[in-house]
Amino acid sequence: MIRLDPATASSSAPPSVPAWAITSAGAPSDGDAAFRAGAALGALDTLARAQAAWAGAWRQRLAVRCAASSMRLAGRAEDAAALRDAWHLRPLRADPGPAGAVFGAWRQLARRQRR
């Protein structure tokens, strides 16, 4: 579980998605759906930037998804679960194999801090 870091906590209320962005009145058009998705991502981005622990968890989750997409593009069958297994269940300092190497590269990229 990710807990609030008191050292970096803000006294202001956490960001929220505007009410107009989450209304479910009727089926939105593609443009409306894209606009609402952008509003939700903007709120999540603000939250992730406010708490370093959330940002790290978010980046690692994205690393798993990116690695799984890379495997599909390479024509391989490994999904997110297989990538995590290849990385975390290997013996210490053992070669993780091609799938684990791709996942390891994405994990390294996710650890880099933006400037």
PDB file of N, CA and C in Angstrom:
ATOM      1  N   MET A   1       0.838  -1.162   0.000  1.00  0.00           N
ATOM      2  CA  MET A   1       0.000   0.000   0.000  1.00  0.00           C
ATOM      3  C   MET A   1       0.890   1.233   0.000  1.00  0.00           C
ATOM      4  N   ILE A   2       0.502   2.244  -0.757  1.00  0.00           N
ATOM      5  CA  ILE A   2       1.233   3.499  -0.788  1.00  0.00           C
ATOM      6  C   ILE A   2       0.629   4.406   0.262  1.00  0.00           C
ATOM      7  N   ARG A   3       1.494   4.945   1.107  1.00  0.00           N
ATOM      8  CA  ARG A   3       1.014   5.815   2.173  1.00  0.00           C
ATOM      9  C   ARG A   3       1.455   7.237   1.908  1.00  0.00           C
ATOM     10  N   LEU A   4       0.750   8.162   2.484  1.00  0.00           N
ATOM     11  CA  LEU A   4       1.057   9.569   2.346  1.00  0.00           C
ATOM     12  C   LEU A   4       2.386   9.864   3.019  1.00  0.00           C
ATOM     13  N   ASP A   5       3.283  10.506   2.305  1.00  0.00           N
ATOM     14  CA  ASP A   5       4.584  10.886   2.837  1.00  0.00           C
ATOM     15  C   ASP A   5       4.440  12.240   3.516  1.00  0.00           C
ATOM     16  N   PRO A   6       4.550  12.314   4.859  1.00  0.00           N
ATOM     17  CA  PRO A   6       4.346  13.586   5.546  1.00  0.00           C
ATOM     18  C   PRO A   6       5.370  14.650   5.142  1.00  0.00           C
ATOM     19  N   ALA A   7       6.552  14.239   4.712  1.00  0.00           N
ATOM     20  CA  ALA A   7       7.583  15.201   4.333  1.00  0.00           C
ATOM     21  C   ALA A   7       7.204  15.971   3.067  1.00  0.00           C
ATOM     22  N   THR A   8       6.479  15.336   2.179  1.00  0.00           N
ATOM     23  CA  THR A   8       6.125  15.993   0.919  1.00  0.00           C
ATOM     24  C   THR A   8       4.630  16.265   0.801  1.00  0.00           C
ATOM     25  N   ALA A   9       3.882  15.997   1.857  1.00  0.00           N
ATOM     26  CA  ALA A   9       2.433  16.168   1.809  1.00  0.00           C
ATOM     27  C   ALA A   9       2.075  17.648   1.717  1.00  0.00           C
ATOM     28  N   SER A  10       1.050  17.918   0.972  1.00  0.00           N
ATOM     29  CA  SER A  10       0.549  19.275   0.826  1.00  0.00           C
ATOM     30  C   SER A  10      -0.662  19.429   1.728  1.00  0.00           C
ATOM     31  N   SER A  11      -0.812  20.616   2.315  1.00  0.00           N
ATOM     32  CA  SER A  11      -1.950  20.841   3.193  1.00  0.00           C
ATOM     33  C   SER A  11      -3.227  21.102   2.402  1.00  0.00           C
ATOM     34  N   SER A  12      -3.099  21.358   1.114  1.00  0.00           N
ATOM     35  CA  SER A  12      -4.283  21.596   0.296  1.00  0.00           C
ATOM     36  C   SER A  12      -4.977  20.277  -0.028  1.00  0.00           C
ATOM     37  N   ALA A  13      -6.216  20.394  -0.440  1.00  0.00           N
ATOM     38  CA  ALA A  13      -6.992  19.201  -0.791  1.00  0.00           C
ATOM     39  C   ALA A  13      -6.400  18.552  -2.039  1.00  0.00           C
ATOM     40  N   PRO A  14      -6.452  17.229  -2.138  1.00  0.00           N
ATOM     41  CA  PRO A  14      -5.916  16.565  -3.332  1.00  0.00           C
ATOM     42  C   PRO A  14      -6.714  16.973  -4.563  1.00  0.00           C
ATOM     43  N   PRO A  15      -6.091  16.957  -5.724  1.00  0.00           N
ATOM     44  CA  PRO A  15      -6.814  17.333  -6.934  1.00  0.00           C
ATOM     45  C   PRO A  15      -7.927  16.339  -7.231  1.00  0.00           C
ATOM     46  N   SER A  16      -8.943  16.821  -7.878  1.00  0.00           N
ATOM     47  CA  SER A  16     -10.045  15.933  -8.231  1.00  0.00           C
ATOM     48  C   SER A  16     -10.441  16.186  -9.677  1.00  0.00           C
ATOM     49  N   VAL A  17     -11.141  15.238 -10.226  1.00  0.00           N
ATOM     50  CA  VAL A  17     -11.635  15.362 -11.589  1.00  0.00           C
ATOM     51  C   VAL A  17     -12.874  16.247 -11.534  1.00  0.00           C
ATOM     52  N   PRO A  18     -12.954  17.251 -12.417  1.00  0.00           N
ATOM     53  CA  PRO A  18     -14.138  18.117 -12.399  1.00  0.00           C
ATOM     54  C   PRO A  18     -15.419  17.321 -12.631  1.00  0.00           C
ATOM     55  N   ALA A  19     -16.503  17.775 -12.020  1.00  0.00           N
ATOM     56  CA  ALA A  19     -17.784  17.066 -12.114  1.00  0.00           C
ATOM     57  C   ALA A  19     -18.257  16.939 -13.558  1.00  0.00           C
ATOM     58  N   TRP A  20     -18.017  17.960 -14.376  1.00  0.00           N
ATOM     59  CA  TRP A  20     -18.470  17.897 -15.762  1.00  0.00           C
ATOM     60  C   TRP A  20     -17.747  16.815 -16.554  1.00  0.00           C
ATOM     61  N   ALA A  21     -16.563  16.402 -16.068  1.00  0.00           N
ATOM     62  CA  ALA A  21     -15.782  15.406 -16.795  1.00  0.00           C
ATOM     63  C   ALA A  21     -16.223  13.981 -16.487  1.00  0.00           C
ATOM     64  N   ILE A  22     -16.984  13.804 -15.409  1.00  0.00           N
ATOM     65  CA  ILE A  22     -17.384  12.445 -15.035  1.00  0.00           C
ATOM     66  C   ILE A  22     -18.887  12.209 -15.123  1.00  0.00           C
ATOM     67  N   THR A  23     -19.607  13.138 -15.685  1.00  0.00           N
ATOM     68  CA  THR A  23     -21.041  12.917 -15.825  1.00  0.00           C
ATOM     69  C   THR A  23     -21.290  11.788 -16.804  1.00  0.00           C
ATOM     70  N   SER A  24     -22.325  11.032 -16.554  1.00  0.00           N
ATOM     71  CA  SER A  24     -22.642   9.896 -17.423  1.00  0.00           C
ATOM     72  C   SER A  24     -23.948  10.134 -18.168  1.00  0.00           C
ATOM     73  N   ALA A  25     -24.237  11.384 -18.494  1.00  0.00           N
ATOM     74  CA  ALA A  25     -25.477  11.719 -19.211  1.00  0.00           C
ATOM     75  C   ALA A  25     -25.343  11.327 -20.674  1.00  0.00           C
ATOM     76  N   GLY A  26     -25.935  10.220 -21.037  1.00  0.00           N
ATOM     77  CA  GLY A  26     -25.922   9.786 -22.430  1.00  0.00           C
ATOM     78  C   GLY A  26     -24.567   9.253 -22.862  1.00  0.00           C
ATOM     79  N   ALA A  27     -24.543   8.723 -24.053  1.00  0.00           N
ATOM     80  CA  ALA A  27     -23.302   8.182 -24.607  1.00  0.00           C
ATOM     81  C   ALA A  27     -22.530   9.332 -25.245  1.00  0.00           C
ATOM     82  N   PRO A  28     -21.315   9.601 -24.760  1.00  0.00           N
ATOM     83  CA  PRO A  28     -20.559  10.716 -25.331  1.00  0.00           C
ATOM     84  C   PRO A  28     -20.022  10.360 -26.717  1.00  0.00           C
ATOM     85  N   SER A  29     -19.762  11.389 -27.486  1.00  0.00           N
ATOM     86  CA  SER A  29     -19.143  11.171 -28.796  1.00  0.00           C
ATOM     87  C   SER A  29     -17.678  10.818 -28.566  1.00  0.00           C
ATOM     88  N   ASP A  30     -17.003  10.446 -29.624  1.00  0.00           N
ATOM     89  CA  ASP A  30     -15.579  10.118 -29.499  1.00  0.00           C
ATOM     90  C   ASP A  30     -14.795  11.322 -28.990  1.00  0.00           C
ATOM     91  N   GLY A  31     -15.156  12.504 -29.480  1.00  0.00           N
ATOM     92  CA  GLY A  31     -14.478  13.724 -29.039  1.00  0.00           C
ATOM     93  C   GLY A  31     -14.712  13.997 -27.562  1.00  0.00           C
ATOM     94  N   ASP A  32     -15.959  13.812 -27.113  1.00  0.00           N
ATOM     95  CA  ASP A  32     -16.262  14.016 -25.689  1.00  0.00           C
ATOM     96  C   ASP A  32     -15.517  13.011 -24.817  1.00  0.00           C
ATOM     97  N   ALA A  33     -15.463  11.765 -25.265  1.00  0.00           N
ATOM     98  CA  ALA A  33     -14.761  10.728 -24.498  1.00  0.00           C
ATOM     99  C   ALA A  33     -13.274  11.050 -24.400  1.00  0.00           C
ATOM    100  N   ALA A  34     -12.691  11.508 -25.495  1.00  0.00           N
ATOM    101  CA  ALA A  34     -11.270  11.866 -25.485  1.00  0.00           C
ATOM    102  C   ALA A  34     -11.024  13.052 -24.563  1.00  0.00           C
ATOM    103  N   PHE A  35     -11.917  14.031 -24.605  1.00  0.00           N
ATOM    104  CA  PHE A  35     -11.766  15.209 -23.744  1.00  0.00           C
ATOM    105  C   PHE A  35     -11.860  14.824 -22.269  1.00  0.00           C
ATOM    106  N   ARG A  36     -12.835  13.968 -21.927  1.00  0.00           N
ATOM    107  CA  ARG A  36     -12.988  13.532 -20.538  1.00  0.00           C
ATOM    108  C   ARG A  36     -11.798  12.693 -20.078  1.00  0.00           C
ATOM    109  N   ALA A  37     -11.283  11.859 -20.961  1.00  0.00           N
ATOM    110  CA  ALA A  37     -10.104  11.059 -20.616  1.00  0.00           C
ATOM    111  C   ALA A  37      -8.910  11.974 -20.356  1.00  0.00           C
ATOM    112  N   GLY A  38      -8.759  13.018 -21.154  1.00  0.00           N
ATOM    113  CA  GLY A  38      -7.673  13.973 -20.952  1.00  0.00           C
ATOM    114  C   GLY A  38      -7.805  14.696 -19.620  1.00  0.00           C
ATOM    115  N   ALA A  39      -9.031  15.060 -19.246  1.00  0.00           N
ATOM    116  CA  ALA A  39      -9.256  15.724 -17.963  1.00  0.00           C
ATOM    117  C   ALA A  39      -8.897  14.795 -16.804  1.00  0.00           C
ATOM    118  N   ALA A  40      -9.272  13.535 -16.922  1.00  0.00           N
ATOM    119  CA  ALA A  40      -8.944  12.574 -15.868  1.00  0.00           C
ATOM    120  C   ALA A  40      -7.437  12.360 -15.775  1.00  0.00           C
ATOM    121  N   LEU A  41      -6.759  12.258 -16.919  1.00  0.00           N
ATOM    122  CA  LEU A  41      -5.303  12.096 -16.907  1.00  0.00           C
ATOM    123  C   LEU A  41      -4.611  13.326 -16.339  1.00  0.00           C
ATOM    124  N   GLY A  42      -5.151  14.500 -16.611  1.00  0.00           N
ATOM    125  CA  GLY A  42      -4.589  15.721 -16.030  1.00  0.00           C
ATOM    126  C   GLY A  42      -4.679  15.713 -14.514  1.00  0.00           C
ATOM    127  N   ALA A  43      -5.810  15.272 -13.982  1.00  0.00           N
ATOM    128  CA  ALA A  43      -5.967  15.193 -12.526  1.00  0.00           C
ATOM    129  C   ALA A  43      -5.022  14.141 -11.935  1.00  0.00           C
ATOM    130  N   LEU A  44      -4.886  12.994 -12.602  1.00  0.00           N
ATOM    131  CA  LEU A  44      -3.962  11.962 -12.119  1.00  0.00           C
ATOM    132  C   LEU A  44      -2.511  12.441 -12.174  1.00  0.00           C
ATOM    133  N   ASP A  45      -2.165  13.179 -13.212  1.00  0.00           N
ATOM    134  CA  ASP A  45      -0.813  13.706 -13.329  1.00  0.00           C
ATOM    135  C   ASP A  45      -0.499  14.656 -12.178  1.00  0.00           C
ATOM    136  N   THR A  46      -1.442  15.515 -11.842  1.00  0.00           N
ATOM    137  CA  THR A  46      -1.249  16.450 -10.731  1.00  0.00           C
ATOM    138  C   THR A  46      -1.071  15.687  -9.421  1.00  0.00           C
ATOM    139  N   LEU A  47      -1.866  14.655  -9.209  1.00  0.00           N
ATOM    140  CA  LEU A  47      -1.749  13.846  -8.004  1.00  0.00           C
ATOM    141  C   LEU A  47      -0.407  13.127  -7.944  1.00  0.00           C
ATOM    142  N   ALA A  48       0.010  12.544  -9.058  1.00  0.00           N
ATOM    143  CA  ALA A  48       1.284  11.814  -9.092  1.00  0.00           C
ATOM    144  C   ALA A  48       2.465  12.741  -8.862  1.00  0.00           C
ATOM    145  N   ARG A  49       2.407  13.956  -9.376  1.00  0.00           N
ATOM    146  CA  ARG A  49       3.502  14.907  -9.173  1.00  0.00           C
ATOM    147  C   ARG A  49       3.542  15.426  -7.736  1.00  0.00           C
ATOM    148  N   ALA A  50       2.403  15.427  -7.056  1.00  0.00           N
ATOM    149  CA  ALA A  50       2.345  15.933  -5.685  1.00  0.00           C
ATOM    150  C   ALA A  50       2.953  14.952  -4.689  1.00  0.00           C
ATOM    151  N   GLN A  51       2.920  13.667  -4.964  1.00  0.00           N
ATOM    152  CA  GLN A  51       3.444  12.649  -4.062  1.00  0.00           C
ATOM    153  C   GLN A  51       4.419  11.749  -4.809  1.00  0.00           C
ATOM    154  N   ALA A  52       5.672  11.792  -4.406  1.00  0.00           N
ATOM    155  CA  ALA A  52       6.709  11.019  -5.101  1.00  0.00           C
ATOM    156  C   ALA A  52       6.419   9.510  -5.079  1.00  0.00           C
ATOM    157  N   ALA A  53       5.844   9.006  -4.001  1.00  0.00           N
ATOM    158  CA  ALA A  53       5.549   7.568  -3.919  1.00  0.00           C
ATOM    159  C   ALA A  53       4.544   7.157  -4.989  1.00  0.00           C
ATOM    160  N   TRP A  54       3.540   7.979  -5.224  1.00  0.00           N
ATOM    161  CA  TRP A  54       2.563   7.674  -6.262  1.00  0.00           C
ATOM    162  C   TRP A  54       3.209   7.708  -7.637  1.00  0.00           C
ATOM    163  N   ALA A  55       4.072   8.675  -7.855  1.00  0.00           N
ATOM    164  CA  ALA A  55       4.723   8.799  -9.158  1.00  0.00           C
ATOM    165  C   ALA A  55       5.576   7.567  -9.456  1.00  0.00           C
ATOM    166  N   GLY A  56       6.303   7.077  -8.467  1.00  0.00           N
ATOM    167  CA  GLY A  56       7.127   5.890  -8.666  1.00  0.00           C
ATOM    168  C   GLY A  56       6.289   4.664  -8.974  1.00  0.00           C
ATOM    169  N   ALA A  57       5.200   4.502  -8.262  1.00  0.00           N
ATOM    170  CA  ALA A  57       4.305   3.366  -8.510  1.00  0.00           C
ATOM    171  C   ALA A  57       3.682   3.482  -9.896  1.00  0.00           C
ATOM    172  N   TRP A  58       3.305   4.677 -10.269  1.00  0.00           N
ATOM    173  CA  TRP A  58       2.707   4.910 -11.584  1.00  0.00           C
ATOM    174  C   TRP A  58       3.697   4.575 -12.694  1.00  0.00           C
ATOM    175  N   ARG A  59       4.941   5.037 -12.533  1.00  0.00           N
ATOM    176  CA  ARG A  59       5.961   4.772 -13.556  1.00  0.00           C
ATOM    177  C   ARG A  59       6.254   3.279 -13.666  1.00  0.00           C
ATOM    178  N   GLN A  60       6.317   2.566 -12.549  1.00  0.00           N
ATOM    179  CA  GLN A  60       6.596   1.133 -12.611  1.00  0.00           C
ATOM    180  C   GLN A  60       5.442   0.377 -13.252  1.00  0.00           C
ATOM    181  N   ARG A  61       4.238   0.802 -12.991  1.00  0.00           N
ATOM    182  CA  ARG A  61       3.081   0.157 -13.617  1.00  0.00           C
ATOM    183  C   ARG A  61       3.101   0.390 -15.123  1.00  0.00           C
ATOM    184  N   LEU A  62       3.458   1.605 -15.516  1.00  0.00           N
ATOM    185  CA  LEU A  62       3.564   1.899 -16.945  1.00  0.00           C
ATOM    186  C   LEU A  62       4.701   1.110 -17.583  1.00  0.00           C
ATOM    187  N   ALA A  63       5.771   0.880 -16.831  1.00  0.00           N
ATOM    188  CA  ALA A  63       6.895   0.099 -17.366  1.00  0.00           C
ATOM    189  C   ALA A  63       6.449  -1.317 -17.711  1.00  0.00           C
ATOM    190  N   VAL A  64       5.627  -1.922 -16.873  1.00  0.00           N
ATOM    191  CA  VAL A  64       5.114  -3.272 -17.151  1.00  0.00           C
ATOM    192  C   VAL A  64       4.274  -3.259 -18.426  1.00  0.00           C
ATOM    193  N   ARG A  65       3.398  -2.264 -18.546  1.00  0.00           N
ATOM    194  CA  ARG A  65       2.539  -2.176 -19.729  1.00  0.00           C
ATOM    195  C   ARG A  65       3.350  -1.934 -20.997  1.00  0.00           C
ATOM    196  N   CYS A  66       4.359  -1.064 -20.910  1.00  0.00           N
ATOM    197  CA  CYS A  66       5.205  -0.781 -22.078  1.00  0.00           C
ATOM    198  C   CYS A  66       6.008  -2.009 -22.486  1.00  0.00           C
ATOM    199  N   ALA A  67       6.507  -2.733 -21.509  1.00  0.00           N
ATOM    200  CA  ALA A  67       7.269  -3.947 -21.817  1.00  0.00           C
ATOM    201  C   ALA A  67       6.367  -4.990 -22.473  1.00  0.00           C
ATOM    202  N   ALA A  68       5.143  -5.130 -21.989  1.00  0.00           N
ATOM    203  CA  ALA A  68       4.207  -6.080 -22.598  1.00  0.00           C
ATOM    204  C   ALA A  68       3.882  -5.672 -24.034  1.00  0.00           C
ATOM    205  N   SER A  69       3.715  -4.377 -24.268  1.00  0.00           N
ATOM    206  CA  SER A  69       3.470  -3.897 -25.630  1.00  0.00           C
ATOM    207  C   SER A  69       4.682  -4.151 -26.519  1.00  0.00           C
ATOM    208  N   SER A  70       5.868  -3.961 -25.978  1.00  0.00           N
ATOM    209  CA  SER A  70       7.093  -4.217 -26.741  1.00  0.00           C
ATOM    210  C   SER A  70       7.174  -5.687 -27.140  1.00  0.00           C
ATOM    211  N   MET A  71       6.777  -6.563 -26.238  1.00  0.00           N
ATOM    212  CA  MET A  71       6.802  -7.991 -26.548  1.00  0.00           C
ATOM    213  C   MET A  71       5.821  -8.319 -27.666  1.00  0.00           C
ATOM    214  N   ARG A  72       4.620  -7.736 -27.614  1.00  0.00           N
ATOM    215  CA  ARG A  72       3.634  -7.974 -28.680  1.00  0.00           C
ATOM    216  C   ARG A  72       4.162  -7.472 -30.021  1.00  0.00           C
ATOM    217  N   LEU A  73       4.780  -6.274 -30.012  1.00  0.00           N
ATOM    218  CA  LEU A  73       5.326  -5.723 -31.260  1.00  0.00           C
ATOM    219  C   LEU A  73       6.461  -6.577 -31.810  1.00  0.00           C
ATOM    220  N   ALA A  74       7.192  -7.250 -30.914  1.00  0.00           N
ATOM    221  CA  ALA A  74       8.295  -8.114 -31.335  1.00  0.00           C
ATOM    222  C   ALA A  74       7.804  -9.502 -31.752  1.00  0.00           C
ATOM    223  N   GLY A  75       6.500  -9.739 -31.622  1.00  0.00           N
ATOM    224  CA  GLY A  75       5.943 -11.026 -32.024  1.00  0.00           C
ATOM    225  C   GLY A  75       6.113 -12.113 -30.975  1.00  0.00           C
ATOM    226  N   ARG A  76       6.345 -11.725 -29.743  1.00  0.00           N
ATOM    227  CA  ARG A  76       6.514 -12.706 -28.675  1.00  0.00           C
ATOM    228  C   ARG A  76       5.219 -12.826 -27.878  1.00  0.00           C
ATOM    229  N   ALA A  77       5.071 -13.899 -27.134  1.00  0.00           N
ATOM    230  CA  ALA A  77       3.806 -14.195 -26.458  1.00  0.00           C
ATOM    231  C   ALA A  77       3.764 -13.752 -24.996  1.00  0.00           C
ATOM    232  N   GLU A  78       4.840 -13.202 -24.442  1.00  0.00           N
ATOM    233  CA  GLU A  78       4.860 -12.857 -23.024  1.00  0.00           C
ATOM    234  C   GLU A  78       3.907 -11.699 -22.735  1.00  0.00           C
ATOM    235  N   ASP A  79       3.085 -11.883 -21.698  1.00  0.00           N
ATOM    236  CA  ASP A  79       2.214 -10.808 -21.250  1.00  0.00           C
ATOM    237  C   ASP A  79       2.814 -10.191 -19.987  1.00  0.00           C
ATOM    238  N   ALA A  80       2.078  -9.281 -19.355  1.00  0.00           N
ATOM    239  CA  ALA A  80       2.596  -8.577 -18.182  1.00  0.00           C
ATOM    240  C   ALA A  80       2.955  -9.548 -17.057  1.00  0.00           C
ATOM    241  N   ALA A  81       2.123 -10.543 -16.813  1.00  0.00           N
ATOM    242  CA  ALA A  81       2.402 -11.502 -15.743  1.00  0.00           C
ATOM    243  C   ALA A  81       3.665 -12.309 -16.037  1.00  0.00           C
ATOM    244  N   ALA A  82       3.843 -12.727 -17.270  1.00  0.00           N
ATOM    245  CA  ALA A  82       5.039 -13.491 -17.632  1.00  0.00           C
ATOM    246  C   ALA A  82       6.298 -12.637 -17.517  1.00  0.00           C
ATOM    247  N   LEU A  83       6.182 -11.358 -17.841  1.00  0.00           N
ATOM    248  CA  LEU A  83       7.329 -10.455 -17.709  1.00  0.00           C
ATOM    249  C   LEU A  83       7.720 -10.270 -16.250  1.00  0.00           C
ATOM    250  N   ARG A  84       6.718 -10.057 -15.399  1.00  0.00           N
ATOM    251  CA  ARG A  84       7.017  -9.912 -13.961  1.00  0.00           C
ATOM    252  C   ARG A  84       7.636 -11.189 -13.418  1.00  0.00           C
ATOM    253  N   ASP A  85       7.121 -12.349 -13.828  1.00  0.00           N
ATOM    254  CA  ASP A  85       7.690 -13.622 -13.373  1.00  0.00           C
ATOM    255  C   ASP A  85       9.128 -13.782 -13.852  1.00  0.00           C
ATOM    256  N   ALA A  86       9.382 -13.450 -15.108  1.00  0.00           N
ATOM    257  CA  ALA A  86      10.738 -13.591 -15.656  1.00  0.00           C
ATOM    258  C   ALA A  86      11.721 -12.713 -14.900  1.00  0.00           C
ATOM    259  N   TRP A  87      11.264 -11.575 -14.438  1.00  0.00           N
ATOM    260  CA  TRP A  87      12.156 -10.656 -13.741  1.00  0.00           C
ATOM    261  C   TRP A  87      12.287 -10.993 -12.259  1.00  0.00           C
ATOM    262  N   HIS A  88      11.183 -11.154 -11.577  1.00  0.00           N
ATOM    263  CA  HIS A  88      11.208 -11.289 -10.116  1.00  0.00           C
ATOM    264  C   HIS A  88      11.465 -12.710  -9.617  1.00  0.00           C
ATOM    265  N   LEU A  89      11.215 -13.720 -10.419  1.00  0.00           N
ATOM    266  CA  LEU A  89      11.392 -15.095  -9.965  1.00  0.00           C
ATOM    267  C   LEU A  89      12.696 -15.726 -10.433  1.00  0.00           C
ATOM    268  N   ARG A  90      13.544 -14.967 -11.062  1.00  0.00           N
ATOM    269  CA  ARG A  90      14.833 -15.505 -11.505  1.00  0.00           C
ATOM    270  C   ARG A  90      15.793 -15.560 -10.314  1.00  0.00           C
ATOM    271  N   PRO A  91      16.754 -16.468 -10.350  1.00  0.00           N
ATOM    272  CA  PRO A  91      17.757 -16.499  -9.282  1.00  0.00           C
ATOM    273  C   PRO A  91      18.591 -15.213  -9.289  1.00  0.00           C
ATOM    274  N   LEU A  92      19.154 -14.885  -8.163  1.00  0.00           N
ATOM    275  CA  LEU A  92      19.950 -13.671  -8.014  1.00  0.00           C
ATOM    276  C   LEU A  92      21.056 -13.617  -9.064  1.00  0.00           C
ATOM    277  N   ARG A  93      21.158 -12.519  -9.769  1.00  0.00           N
ATOM    278  CA  ARG A  93      22.167 -12.247 -10.804  1.00  0.00           C
ATOM    279  C   ARG A  93      22.098 -13.196 -12.004  1.00  0.00           C
ATOM    280  N   ALA A  94      21.006 -13.919 -12.157  1.00  0.00           N
ATOM    281  CA  ALA A  94      20.846 -14.814 -13.309  1.00  0.00           C
ATOM    282  C   ALA A  94      20.319 -14.016 -14.499  1.00  0.00           C
ATOM    283  N   ASP A  95      20.577 -14.526 -15.684  1.00  0.00           N
ATOM    284  CA  ASP A  95      20.087 -13.893 -16.900  1.00  0.00           C
ATOM    285  C   ASP A  95      18.567 -14.028 -16.934  1.00  0.00           C
ATOM    286  N   PRO A  96      17.844 -12.916 -17.056  1.00  0.00           N
ATOM    287  CA  PRO A  96      16.384 -13.002 -17.069  1.00  0.00           C
ATOM    288  C   PRO A  96      15.806 -13.451 -18.404  1.00  0.00           C
ATOM    289  N   GLY A  97      16.651 -13.633 -19.406  1.00  0.00           N
ATOM    290  CA  GLY A  97      16.170 -14.016 -20.724  1.00  0.00           C
ATOM    291  C   GLY A  97      15.728 -12.788 -21.503  1.00  0.00           C
ATOM    292  N   PRO A  98      15.321 -12.987 -22.745  1.00  0.00           N
ATOM    293  CA  PRO A  98      14.957 -11.837 -23.575  1.00  0.00           C
ATOM    294  C   PRO A  98      13.777 -11.040 -23.017  1.00  0.00           C
ATOM    295  N   ALA A  99      12.761 -11.719 -22.544  1.00  0.00           N
ATOM    296  CA  ALA A  99      11.590 -11.016 -22.010  1.00  0.00           C
ATOM    297  C   ALA A  99      11.951 -10.236 -20.748  1.00  0.00           C
ATOM    298  N   GLY A 100      12.704 -10.857 -19.869  1.00  0.00           N
ATOM    299  CA  GLY A 100      13.122 -10.178 -18.652  1.00  0.00           C
ATOM    300  C   GLY A 100      14.053  -9.014 -18.937  1.00  0.00           C
ATOM    301  N   ALA A 101      14.887  -9.132 -19.970  1.00  0.00           N
ATOM    302  CA  ALA A 101      15.796  -8.044 -20.330  1.00  0.00           C
ATOM    303  C   ALA A 101      15.019  -6.827 -20.826  1.00  0.00           C
ATOM    304  N   VAL A 102      13.984  -7.059 -21.622  1.00  0.00           N
ATOM    305  CA  VAL A 102      13.152  -5.949 -22.093  1.00  0.00           C
ATOM    306  C   VAL A 102      12.446  -5.300 -20.911  1.00  0.00           C
ATOM    307  N   PHE A 103      11.903  -6.118 -20.015  1.00  0.00           N
ATOM    308  CA  PHE A 103      11.232  -5.581 -18.834  1.00  0.00           C
ATOM    309  C   PHE A 103      12.225  -4.813 -17.964  1.00  0.00           C
ATOM    310  N   GLY A 104      13.429  -5.331 -17.797  1.00  0.00           N
ATOM    311  CA  GLY A 104      14.451  -4.638 -17.017  1.00  0.00           C
ATOM    312  C   GLY A 104      14.808  -3.285 -17.606  1.00  0.00           C
ATOM    313  N   ALA A 105      14.858  -3.210 -18.932  1.00  0.00           N
ATOM    314  CA  ALA A 105      15.153  -1.937 -19.588  1.00  0.00           C
ATOM    315  C   ALA A 105      14.046  -0.923 -19.334  1.00  0.00           C
ATOM    316  N   TRP A 106      12.803  -1.363 -19.417  1.00  0.00           N
ATOM    317  CA  TRP A 106      11.688  -0.453 -19.143  1.00  0.00           C
ATOM    318  C   TRP A 106      11.679  -0.030 -17.680  1.00  0.00           C
ATOM    319  N   ARG A 107      12.028  -0.945 -16.773  1.00  0.00           N
ATOM    320  CA  ARG A 107      12.098  -0.580 -15.354  1.00  0.00           C
ATOM    321  C   ARG A 107      13.165   0.482 -15.119  1.00  0.00           C
ATOM    322  N   GLN A 108      14.301   0.358 -15.807  1.00  0.00           N
ATOM    323  CA  GLN A 108      15.357   1.356 -15.672  1.00  0.00           C
ATOM    324  C   GLN A 108      14.894   2.710 -16.161  1.00  0.00           C
ATOM    325  N   LEU A 109      14.217   2.715 -17.294  1.00  0.00           N
ATOM    326  CA  LEU A 109      13.693   3.983 -17.807  1.00  0.00           C
ATOM    327  C   LEU A 109      12.672   4.601 -16.846  1.00  0.00           C
ATOM    328  N   ALA A 110      11.876   3.768 -16.195  1.00  0.00           N
ATOM    329  CA  ALA A 110      10.866   4.265 -15.273  1.00  0.00           C
ATOM    330  C   ALA A 110      11.478   4.836 -14.000  1.00  0.00           C
ATOM    331  N   ARG A 111      12.665   4.400 -13.639  1.00  0.00           N
ATOM    332  CA  ARG A 111      13.325   4.916 -12.433  1.00  0.00           C
ATOM    333  C   ARG A 111      13.934   6.290 -12.640  1.00  0.00           C
ATOM    334  N   ARG A 112      14.182   6.667 -13.896  1.00  0.00           N
ATOM    335  CA  ARG A 112      14.801   7.961 -14.178  1.00  0.00           C
ATOM    336  C   ARG A 112      13.840   9.086 -13.798  1.00  0.00           C
ATOM    337  N   GLN A 113      14.355  10.091 -13.160  1.00  0.00           N
ATOM    338  CA  GLN A 113      13.555  11.246 -12.764  1.00  0.00           C
ATOM    339  C   GLN A 113      13.506  12.263 -13.898  1.00  0.00           C
ATOM    340  N   ARG A 114      12.343  12.847 -14.098  1.00  0.00           N
ATOM    341  CA  ARG A 114      12.223  13.910 -15.089  1.00  0.00           C
ATOM    342  C   ARG A 114      12.811  15.185 -14.529  1.00  0.00           C
ATOM    343  N   ARG A 115      13.355  15.978 -15.391  1.00  0.00           N
ATOM    344  CA  ARG A 115      13.936  17.255 -14.944  1.00  0.00           C
ATOM    345  C   ARG A 115      13.091  18.403 -15.370  1.00  0.00           C
TER     346      ARG A 115
END
